[in-house]
């Protein structure tokens, strides 16, 4: 799929060398090395650590949303300033 996209964009030369079997294996090996270590190299953390942190963040957001939705309407009303009564229009 990538090869087709790059070819259509006029950038097929990027993948041209992968038509040679030995160079394709070398390129795949380099990619596999990068794919296995990219989060450690770019973020200083393993993929498992990044996923764990993300799950904790999502749980915190969910907990906060639930707590907010469970607060009673009267508590929310108490936080609002009281409305001033308007005088009835004169007839």
PDB file of N, CA and C in Angstrom:
ATOM      1  N   UNK A   1       0.826  -1.191   0.000  1.00  0.00           N
ATOM      2  CA  UNK A   1       0.000   0.000   0.000  1.00  0.00           C
ATOM      3  C   UNK A   1       0.877   1.264   0.000  1.00  0.00           C
ATOM      4  N   UNK A   2       1.904   1.291   0.866  1.00  0.00           N
ATOM      5  CA  UNK A   2       2.790   2.458   0.912  1.00  0.00           C
ATOM      6  C   UNK A   2       3.523   2.637  -0.415  1.00  0.00           C
ATOM      7  N   UNK A   3       3.964   1.531  -0.986  1.00  0.00           N
ATOM      8  CA  UNK A   3       4.704   1.605  -2.248  1.00  0.00           C
ATOM      9  C   UNK A   3       3.832   2.250  -3.319  1.00  0.00           C
ATOM     10  N   UNK A   4       2.568   1.859  -3.390  1.00  0.00           N
ATOM     11  CA  UNK A   4       1.648   2.417  -4.381  1.00  0.00           C
ATOM     12  C   UNK A   4       1.432   3.910  -4.144  1.00  0.00           C
ATOM     13  N   UNK A   5       1.206   4.308  -2.905  1.00  0.00           N
ATOM     14  CA  UNK A   5       0.989   5.720  -2.575  1.00  0.00           C
ATOM     15  C   UNK A   5       2.222   6.546  -2.953  1.00  0.00           C
ATOM     16  N   UNK A   6       3.384   6.082  -2.548  1.00  0.00           N
ATOM     17  CA  UNK A   6       4.610   6.824  -2.866  1.00  0.00           C
ATOM     18  C   UNK A   6       4.836   6.905  -4.375  1.00  0.00           C
ATOM     19  N   UNK A   7       4.519   5.829  -5.106  1.00  0.00           N
ATOM     20  CA  UNK A   7       4.672   5.844  -6.560  1.00  0.00           C
ATOM     21  C   UNK A   7       3.735   6.876  -7.175  1.00  0.00           C
ATOM     22  N   UNK A   8       2.489   6.892  -6.720  1.00  0.00           N
ATOM     23  CA  UNK A   8       1.508   7.851  -7.258  1.00  0.00           C
ATOM     24  C   UNK A   8       1.887   9.292  -6.934  1.00  0.00           C
ATOM     25  N   UNK A   9       2.591   9.486  -5.823  1.00  0.00           N
ATOM     26  CA  UNK A   9       3.030  10.830  -5.440  1.00  0.00           C
ATOM     27  C   UNK A   9       4.346  11.222  -6.109  1.00  0.00           C
ATOM     28  N   UNK A  10       4.875  10.320  -6.930  1.00  0.00           N
ATOM     29  CA  UNK A  10       6.140  10.604  -7.603  1.00  0.00           C
ATOM     30  C   UNK A  10       7.344  10.392  -6.705  1.00  0.00           C
ATOM     31  N   UNK A  11       7.163   9.628  -5.648  1.00  0.00           N
ATOM     32  CA  UNK A  11       8.254   9.380  -4.699  1.00  0.00           C
ATOM     33  C   UNK A  11       8.593   7.895  -4.632  1.00  0.00           C
ATOM     34  N   UNK A  12       8.305   7.157  -5.708  1.00  0.00           N
ATOM     35  CA  UNK A  12       8.551   5.720  -5.757  1.00  0.00           C
ATOM     36  C   UNK A  12      10.008   5.346  -5.542  1.00  0.00           C
ATOM     37  N   UNK A  13      10.899   6.275  -5.781  1.00  0.00           N
ATOM     38  CA  UNK A  13      12.333   6.006  -5.605  1.00  0.00           C
ATOM     39  C   UNK A  13      12.664   5.639  -4.158  1.00  0.00           C
ATOM     40  N   UNK A  14      11.823   6.097  -3.216  1.00  0.00           N
ATOM     41  CA  UNK A  14      12.076   5.800  -1.801  1.00  0.00           C
ATOM     42  C   UNK A  14      12.005   4.295  -1.550  1.00  0.00           C
ATOM     43  N   UNK A  15      11.075   3.613  -2.233  1.00  0.00           N
ATOM     44  CA  UNK A  15      10.912   2.167  -2.039  1.00  0.00           C
ATOM     45  C   UNK A  15      11.556   1.343  -3.143  1.00  0.00           C
ATOM     46  N   UNK A  16      12.118   1.957  -4.147  1.00  0.00           N
ATOM     47  CA  UNK A  16      12.655   1.224  -5.296  1.00  0.00           C
ATOM     48  C   UNK A  16      13.678   0.165  -4.891  1.00  0.00           C
ATOM     49  N   UNK A  17      14.524   0.475  -3.945  1.00  0.00           N
ATOM     50  CA  UNK A  17      15.570  -0.483  -3.554  1.00  0.00           C
ATOM     51  C   UNK A  17      15.003  -1.752  -2.921  1.00  0.00           C
ATOM     52  N   UNK A  18      13.744  -1.702  -2.433  1.00  0.00           N
ATOM     53  CA  UNK A  18      13.166  -2.879  -1.776  1.00  0.00           C
ATOM     54  C   UNK A  18      12.707  -3.935  -2.776  1.00  0.00           C
ATOM     55  N   UNK A  19      12.844  -3.655  -4.068  1.00  0.00           N
ATOM     56  CA  UNK A  19      12.549  -4.664  -5.086  1.00  0.00           C
ATOM     57  C   UNK A  19      13.650  -5.720  -5.121  1.00  0.00           C
ATOM     58  N   UNK A  20      14.807  -5.398  -4.574  1.00  0.00           N
ATOM     59  CA  UNK A  20      15.929  -6.343  -4.509  1.00  0.00           C
ATOM     60  C   UNK A  20      15.777  -7.106  -3.194  1.00  0.00           C
ATOM     61  N   UNK A  21      15.590  -8.441  -3.246  1.00  0.00           N
ATOM     62  CA  UNK A  21      15.279  -9.229  -2.046  1.00  0.00           C
ATOM     63  C   UNK A  21      16.204  -8.992  -0.846  1.00  0.00           C
ATOM     64  N   UNK A  22      17.500  -8.959  -1.045  1.00  0.00           N
ATOM     65  CA  UNK A  22      18.413  -8.794   0.101  1.00  0.00           C
ATOM     66  C   UNK A  22      18.265  -7.414   0.727  1.00  0.00           C
ATOM     67  N   UNK A  23      18.075  -6.396  -0.104  1.00  0.00           N
ATOM     68  CA  UNK A  23      17.893  -5.043   0.425  1.00  0.00           C
ATOM     69  C   UNK A  23      16.541  -4.899   1.128  1.00  0.00           C
ATOM     70  N   UNK A  24      15.535  -5.642   0.630  1.00  0.00           N
ATOM     71  CA  UNK A  24      14.238  -5.636   1.297  1.00  0.00           C
ATOM     72  C   UNK A  24      14.364  -6.220   2.705  1.00  0.00           C
ATOM     73  N   UNK A  25      15.140  -7.318   2.842  1.00  0.00           N
ATOM     74  CA  UNK A  25      15.338  -7.936   4.161  1.00  0.00           C
ATOM     75  C   UNK A  25      16.076  -6.993   5.103  1.00  0.00           C
ATOM     76  N   UNK A  26      17.081  -6.300   4.589  1.00  0.00           N
ATOM     77  CA  UNK A  26      17.833  -5.341   5.410  1.00  0.00           C
ATOM     78  C   UNK A  26      16.902  -4.211   5.856  1.00  0.00           C
ATOM     79  N   UNK A  27      16.115  -3.672   4.925  1.00  0.00           N
ATOM     80  CA  UNK A  27      15.186  -2.590   5.250  1.00  0.00           C
ATOM     81  C   UNK A  27      14.161  -3.063   6.277  1.00  0.00           C
ATOM     82  N   UNK A  28      13.660  -4.283   6.133  1.00  0.00           N
ATOM     83  CA  UNK A  28      12.684  -4.815   7.078  1.00  0.00           C
ATOM     84  C   UNK A  28      13.309  -4.987   8.460  1.00  0.00           C
ATOM     85  N   UNK A  29      14.562  -5.436   8.498  1.00  0.00           N
ATOM     86  CA  UNK A  29      15.266  -5.584   9.774  1.00  0.00           C
ATOM     87  C   UNK A  29      15.451  -4.242  10.471  1.00  0.00           C
ATOM     88  N   UNK A  30      15.817  -3.228   9.712  1.00  0.00           N
ATOM     89  CA  UNK A  30      15.992  -1.883  10.279  1.00  0.00           C
ATOM     90  C   UNK A  30      14.650  -1.362  10.786  1.00  0.00           C
ATOM     91  N   UNK A  31      13.595  -1.571  10.002  1.00  0.00           N
ATOM     92  CA  UNK A  31      12.273  -1.118  10.438  1.00  0.00           C
ATOM     93  C   UNK A  31      11.839  -1.848  11.708  1.00  0.00           C
ATOM     94  N   UNK A  32      12.038  -3.162  11.757  1.00  0.00           N
ATOM     95  CA  UNK A  32      11.645  -3.930  12.944  1.00  0.00           C
ATOM     96  C   UNK A  32      12.392  -3.443  14.185  1.00  0.00           C
ATOM     97  N   UNK A  33      13.680  -3.137  14.030  1.00  0.00           N
ATOM     98  CA  UNK A  33      14.473  -2.602  15.139  1.00  0.00           C
ATOM     99  C   UNK A  33      13.855  -1.292  15.615  1.00  0.00           C
ATOM    100  N   UNK A  34      13.558  -0.403  14.673  1.00  0.00           N
ATOM    101  CA  UNK A  34      12.953   0.896  14.996  1.00  0.00           C
ATOM    102  C   UNK A  34      11.587   0.711  15.645  1.00  0.00           C
ATOM    103  N   UNK A  35      10.738  -0.150  15.074  1.00  0.00           N
ATOM    104  CA  UNK A  35       9.376  -0.347  15.578  1.00  0.00           C
ATOM    105  C   UNK A  35       9.393  -0.875  17.012  1.00  0.00           C
ATOM    106  N   UNK A  36      10.318  -1.766  17.320  1.00  0.00           N
ATOM    107  CA  UNK A  36      10.402  -2.322  18.674  1.00  0.00           C
ATOM    108  C   UNK A  36      10.869  -1.308  19.708  1.00  0.00           C
ATOM    109  N   UNK A  37      11.603  -0.295  19.286  1.00  0.00           N
ATOM    110  CA  UNK A  37      12.234   0.624  20.239  1.00  0.00           C
ATOM    111  C   UNK A  37      11.821   2.084  20.086  1.00  0.00           C
ATOM    112  N   UNK A  38      10.906   2.377  19.198  1.00  0.00           N
ATOM    113  CA  UNK A  38      10.621   3.787  18.902  1.00  0.00           C
ATOM    114  C   UNK A  38      10.128   4.583  20.101  1.00  0.00           C
ATOM    115  N   UNK A  39       9.285   4.017  20.956  1.00  0.00           N
ATOM    116  CA  UNK A  39       8.830   4.809  22.098  1.00  0.00           C
ATOM    117  C   UNK A  39       9.952   5.015  23.105  1.00  0.00           C
ATOM    118  N   UNK A  40      10.837   4.025  23.242  1.00  0.00           N
ATOM    119  CA  UNK A  40      11.976   4.220  24.139  1.00  0.00           C
ATOM    120  C   UNK A  40      12.909   5.295  23.597  1.00  0.00           C
ATOM    121  N   UNK A  41      13.102   5.300  22.293  1.00  0.00           N
ATOM    122  CA  UNK A  41      14.020   6.273  21.684  1.00  0.00           C
ATOM    123  C   UNK A  41      13.419   7.679  21.634  1.00  0.00           C
ATOM    124  N   UNK A  42      12.117   7.788  21.445  1.00  0.00           N
ATOM    125  CA  UNK A  42      11.513   9.117  21.307  1.00  0.00           C
ATOM    126  C   UNK A  42      10.944   9.664  22.606  1.00  0.00           C
ATOM    127  N   UNK A  43      10.462   8.792  23.494  1.00  0.00           N
ATOM    128  CA  UNK A  43       9.843   9.252  24.740  1.00  0.00           C
ATOM    129  C   UNK A  43      10.607   8.814  25.978  1.00  0.00           C
ATOM    130  N   UNK A  44      11.585   7.942  25.809  1.00  0.00           N
ATOM    131  CA  UNK A  44      12.343   7.449  26.952  1.00  0.00           C
ATOM    132  C   UNK A  44      11.566   6.449  27.786  1.00  0.00           C
ATOM    133  N   UNK A  45      10.483   5.886  27.218  1.00  0.00           N
ATOM    134  CA  UNK A  45       9.643   4.930  27.932  1.00  0.00           C
ATOM    135  C   UNK A  45       9.312   3.777  27.001  1.00  0.00           C
ATOM    136  N   UNK A  46       9.014   2.617  27.585  1.00  0.00           N
ATOM    137  CA  UNK A  46       8.573   1.489  26.771  1.00  0.00           C
ATOM    138  C   UNK A  46       7.126   1.723  26.349  1.00  0.00           C
ATOM    139  N   UNK A  47       6.701   0.995  25.337  1.00  0.00           N
ATOM    140  CA  UNK A  47       5.319   1.108  24.880  1.00  0.00           C
ATOM    141  C   UNK A  47       4.362   0.737  26.004  1.00  0.00           C
ATOM    142  N   UNK A  48       4.727  -0.265  26.791  1.00  0.00           N
ATOM    143  CA  UNK A  48       3.881  -0.684  27.913  1.00  0.00           C
ATOM    144  C   UNK A  48       3.707   0.450  28.924  1.00  0.00           C
ATOM    145  N   UNK A  49       4.782   1.199  29.203  1.00  0.00           N
ATOM    146  CA  UNK A  49       4.702   2.324  30.143  1.00  0.00           C
ATOM    147  C   UNK A  49       3.809   3.432  29.593  1.00  0.00           C
ATOM    148  N   UNK A  50       3.920   3.711  28.308  1.00  0.00           N
ATOM    149  CA  UNK A  50       3.102   4.747  27.685  1.00  0.00           C
ATOM    150  C   UNK A  50       1.633   4.362  27.756  1.00  0.00           C
ATOM    151  N   UNK A  51       1.313   3.097  27.445  1.00  0.00           N
ATOM    152  CA  UNK A  51      -0.072   2.620  27.492  1.00  0.00           C
ATOM    153  C   UNK A  51      -0.603   2.684  28.923  1.00  0.00           C
ATOM    154  N   UNK A  52       0.204   2.255  29.893  1.00  0.00           N
ATOM    155  CA  UNK A  52      -0.218   2.284  31.299  1.00  0.00           C
ATOM    156  C   UNK A  52      -0.529   3.713  31.756  1.00  0.00           C
ATOM    157  N   UNK A  53       0.337   4.661  31.416  1.00  0.00           N
ATOM    158  CA  UNK A  53       0.101   6.058  31.781  1.00  0.00           C
ATOM    159  C   UNK A  53      -1.174   6.590  31.136  1.00  0.00           C
ATOM    160  N   UNK A  54      -1.401   6.211  29.886  1.00  0.00           N
ATOM    161  CA  UNK A  54      -2.600   6.646  29.173  1.00  0.00           C
ATOM    162  C   UNK A  54      -3.854   6.082  29.844  1.00  0.00           C
ATOM    163  N   UNK A  55      -3.816   4.813  30.226  1.00  0.00           N
ATOM    164  CA  UNK A  55      -4.971   4.197  30.884  1.00  0.00           C
ATOM    165  C   UNK A  55      -5.257   4.861  32.235  1.00  0.00           C
ATOM    166  N   UNK A  56      -4.220   5.206  32.985  1.00  0.00           N
ATOM    167  CA  UNK A  56      -4.397   5.901  34.268  1.00  0.00           C
ATOM    168  C   UNK A  56      -5.041   7.267  34.036  1.00  0.00           C
ATOM    169  N   UNK A  57      -4.567   7.985  33.037  1.00  0.00           N
ATOM    170  CA  UNK A  57      -5.130   9.294  32.702  1.00  0.00           C
ATOM    171  C   UNK A  57      -6.602   9.174  32.325  1.00  0.00           C
ATOM    172  N   UNK A  58      -6.944   8.181  31.501  1.00  0.00           N
ATOM    173  CA  UNK A  58      -8.338   7.993  31.115  1.00  0.00           C
ATOM    174  C   UNK A  58      -9.208   7.666  32.321  1.00  0.00           C
ATOM    175  N   UNK A  59      -8.698   6.852  33.248  1.00  0.00           N
ATOM    176  CA  UNK A  59      -9.445   6.511  34.463  1.00  0.00           C
ATOM    177  C   UNK A  59      -9.688   7.761  35.298  1.00  0.00           C
ATOM    178  N   UNK A  60      -8.661   8.609  35.431  1.00  0.00           N
ATOM    179  CA  UNK A  60      -8.798   9.858  36.193  1.00  0.00           C
ATOM    180  C   UNK A  60      -9.863  10.759  35.566  1.00  0.00           C
ATOM    181  N   UNK A  61      -9.861  10.862  34.258  1.00  0.00           N
ATOM    182  CA  UNK A  61     -10.845  11.692  33.555  1.00  0.00           C
ATOM    183  C   UNK A  61     -12.241  11.124  33.766  1.00  0.00           C
ATOM    184  N   UNK A  62     -12.368   9.804  33.651  1.00  0.00           N
ATOM    185  CA  UNK A  62     -13.664   9.151  33.834  1.00  0.00           C
ATOM    186  C   UNK A  62     -14.163   9.355  35.259  1.00  0.00           C
ATOM    187  N   UNK A  63     -13.294   9.196  36.244  1.00  0.00           N
ATOM    188  CA  UNK A  63     -13.668   9.374  37.646  1.00  0.00           C
ATOM    189  C   UNK A  63     -14.144  10.803  37.888  1.00  0.00           C
ATOM    190  N   UNK A  64     -13.449  11.756  37.319  1.00  0.00           N
ATOM    191  CA  UNK A  64     -13.818  13.165  37.476  1.00  0.00           C
ATOM    192  C   UNK A  64     -15.179  13.425  36.842  1.00  0.00           C
ATOM    193  N   UNK A  65     -15.427  12.867  35.673  1.00  0.00           N
ATOM    194  CA  UNK A  65     -16.706  13.064  34.979  1.00  0.00           C
ATOM    195  C   UNK A  65     -17.852  12.451  35.762  1.00  0.00           C
ATOM    196  N   UNK A  66     -17.638  11.269  36.314  1.00  0.00           N
ATOM    197  CA  UNK A  66     -18.676  10.609  37.098  1.00  0.00           C
ATOM    198  C   UNK A  66     -18.988  11.418  38.346  1.00  0.00           C
ATOM    199  N   UNK A  67     -17.947  11.889  39.027  1.00  0.00           N
ATOM    200  CA  UNK A  67     -18.141  12.672  40.249  1.00  0.00           C
ATOM    201  C   UNK A  67     -18.933  13.942  39.942  1.00  0.00           C
ATOM    202  N   UNK A  68     -18.608  14.572  38.822  1.00  0.00           N
ATOM    203  CA  UNK A  68     -19.309  15.793  38.453  1.00  0.00           C
ATOM    204  C   UNK A  68     -20.774  15.516  38.158  1.00  0.00           C
ATOM    205  N   UNK A  69     -21.055  14.419  37.468  1.00  0.00           N
ATOM    206  CA  UNK A  69     -22.444  14.128  37.098  1.00  0.00           C
ATOM    207  C   UNK A  69     -23.258  13.665  38.300  1.00  0.00           C
ATOM    208  N   UNK A  70     -22.605  13.185  39.350  1.00  0.00           N
ATOM    209  CA  UNK A  70     -23.321  12.715  40.528  1.00  0.00           C
ATOM    210  C   UNK A  70     -23.637  13.827  41.522  1.00  0.00           C
ATOM    211  N   UNK A  71     -23.021  14.974  41.361  1.00  0.00           N
ATOM    212  CA  UNK A  71     -23.338  16.052  42.297  1.00  0.00           C
ATOM    213  C   UNK A  71     -24.781  16.472  42.063  1.00  0.00           C
ATOM    214  N   UNK A  72     -25.462  16.771  43.136  1.00  0.00           N
ATOM    215  CA  UNK A  72     -26.905  17.044  43.024  1.00  0.00           C
ATOM    216  C   UNK A  72     -27.157  18.411  42.415  1.00  0.00           C
ATOM    217  N   UNK A  73     -28.327  18.545  41.877  1.00  0.00           N
ATOM    218  CA  UNK A  73     -28.722  19.815  41.265  1.00  0.00           C
ATOM    219  C   UNK A  73     -28.744  20.923  42.300  1.00  0.00           C
ATOM    220  N   UNK A  74     -29.112  20.572  43.529  1.00  0.00           N
ATOM    221  CA  UNK A  74     -29.163  21.603  44.567  1.00  0.00           C
ATOM    222  C   UNK A  74     -27.769  22.118  44.905  1.00  0.00           C
ATOM    223  N   UNK A  75     -26.777  21.241  44.880  1.00  0.00           N
ATOM    224  CA  UNK A  75     -25.406  21.688  45.132  1.00  0.00           C
ATOM    225  C   UNK A  75     -24.955  22.632  44.025  1.00  0.00           C
ATOM    226  N   UNK A  76     -25.314  22.285  42.797  1.00  0.00           N
ATOM    227  CA  UNK A  76     -24.928  23.150  41.677  1.00  0.00           C
ATOM    228  C   UNK A  76     -25.666  24.482  41.758  1.00  0.00           C
ATOM    229  N   UNK A  77     -26.935  24.449  42.163  1.00  0.00           N
ATOM    230  CA  UNK A  77     -27.715  25.678  42.281  1.00  0.00           C
ATOM    231  C   UNK A  77     -27.148  26.562  43.378  1.00  0.00           C
ATOM    232  N   UNK A  78     -26.658  25.957  44.464  1.00  0.00           N
ATOM    233  CA  UNK A  78     -26.101  26.734  45.576  1.00  0.00           C
ATOM    234  C   UNK A  78     -24.837  27.470  45.152  1.00  0.00           C
ATOM    235  N   UNK A  79     -24.159  26.945  44.164  1.00  0.00           N
ATOM    236  CA  UNK A  79     -22.928  27.591  43.697  1.00  0.00           C
ATOM    237  C   UNK A  79     -23.220  28.818  42.860  1.00  0.00           C
ATOM    238  N   UNK A  80     -24.438  28.890  42.272  1.00  0.00           N
ATOM    239  CA  UNK A  80     -24.801  30.032  41.439  1.00  0.00           C
ATOM    240  C   UNK A  80     -25.283  31.186  42.308  1.00  0.00           C
ATOM    241  N   UNK A  81     -25.023  32.413  41.881  1.00  0.00           N
ATOM    242  CA  UNK A  81     -25.539  33.551  42.648  1.00  0.00           C
ATOM    243  C   UNK A  81     -27.063  33.566  42.586  1.00  0.00           C
ATOM    244  N   UNK A  82     -27.672  34.041  43.651  1.00  0.00           N
ATOM    245  CA  UNK A  82     -29.142  34.096  43.719  1.00  0.00           C
ATOM    246  C   UNK A  82     -29.659  35.111  42.716  1.00  0.00           C
ATOM    247  N   UNK A  83     -30.816  34.800  42.141  1.00  0.00           N
ATOM    248  CA  UNK A  83     -31.438  35.723  41.193  1.00  0.00           C
ATOM    249  C   UNK A  83     -32.222  36.770  41.955  1.00  0.00           C
ATOM    250  N   UNK A  84     -32.185  37.967  41.445  1.00  0.00           N
ATOM    251  CA  UNK A  84     -32.989  39.037  42.042  1.00  0.00           C
ATOM    252  C   UNK A  84     -34.379  38.985  41.400  1.00  0.00           C
ATOM    253  N   UNK A  85     -35.386  39.125  42.236  1.00  0.00           N
ATOM    254  CA  UNK A  85     -36.750  39.130  41.713  1.00  0.00           C
ATOM    255  C   UNK A  85     -36.998  40.457  41.006  1.00  0.00           C
ATOM    256  N   UNK A  86     -37.602  40.374  39.860  1.00  0.00           N
ATOM    257  CA  UNK A  86     -37.968  41.573  39.112  1.00  0.00           C
ATOM    258  C   UNK A  86     -39.344  42.038  39.562  1.00  0.00           C
ATOM    259  N   UNK A  87     -39.530  43.347  39.691  1.00  0.00           N
ATOM    260  CA  UNK A  87     -40.873  43.819  40.045  1.00  0.00           C
ATOM    261  C   UNK A  87     -41.845  43.540  38.912  1.00  0.00           C
ATOM    262  N   UNK A  88     -43.076  43.288  39.274  1.00  0.00           N
ATOM    263  CA  UNK A  88     -44.103  43.044  38.267  1.00  0.00           C
ATOM    264  C   UNK A  88     -44.327  44.326  37.478  1.00  0.00           C
ATOM    265  N   UNK A  89     -44.590  44.202  36.193  1.00  0.00           N
ATOM    266  CA  UNK A  89     -44.821  45.415  35.400  1.00  0.00           C
ATOM    267  C   UNK A  89     -46.085  46.154  35.876  1.00  0.00           C
ATOM    268  N   UNK A  90     -46.035  47.476  35.869  1.00  0.00           N
ATOM    269  CA  UNK A  90     -47.187  48.299  36.290  1.00  0.00           C
ATOM    270  C   UNK A  90     -48.252  48.242  35.213  1.00  0.00           C
ATOM    271  N   UNK A  91     -49.520  48.215  35.673  1.00  0.00           N
ATOM    272  CA  UNK A  91     -50.634  48.182  34.711  1.00  0.00           C
ATOM    273  C   UNK A  91     -51.426  49.429  34.793  1.00  0.00           C
TER     274      UNK A  91
END
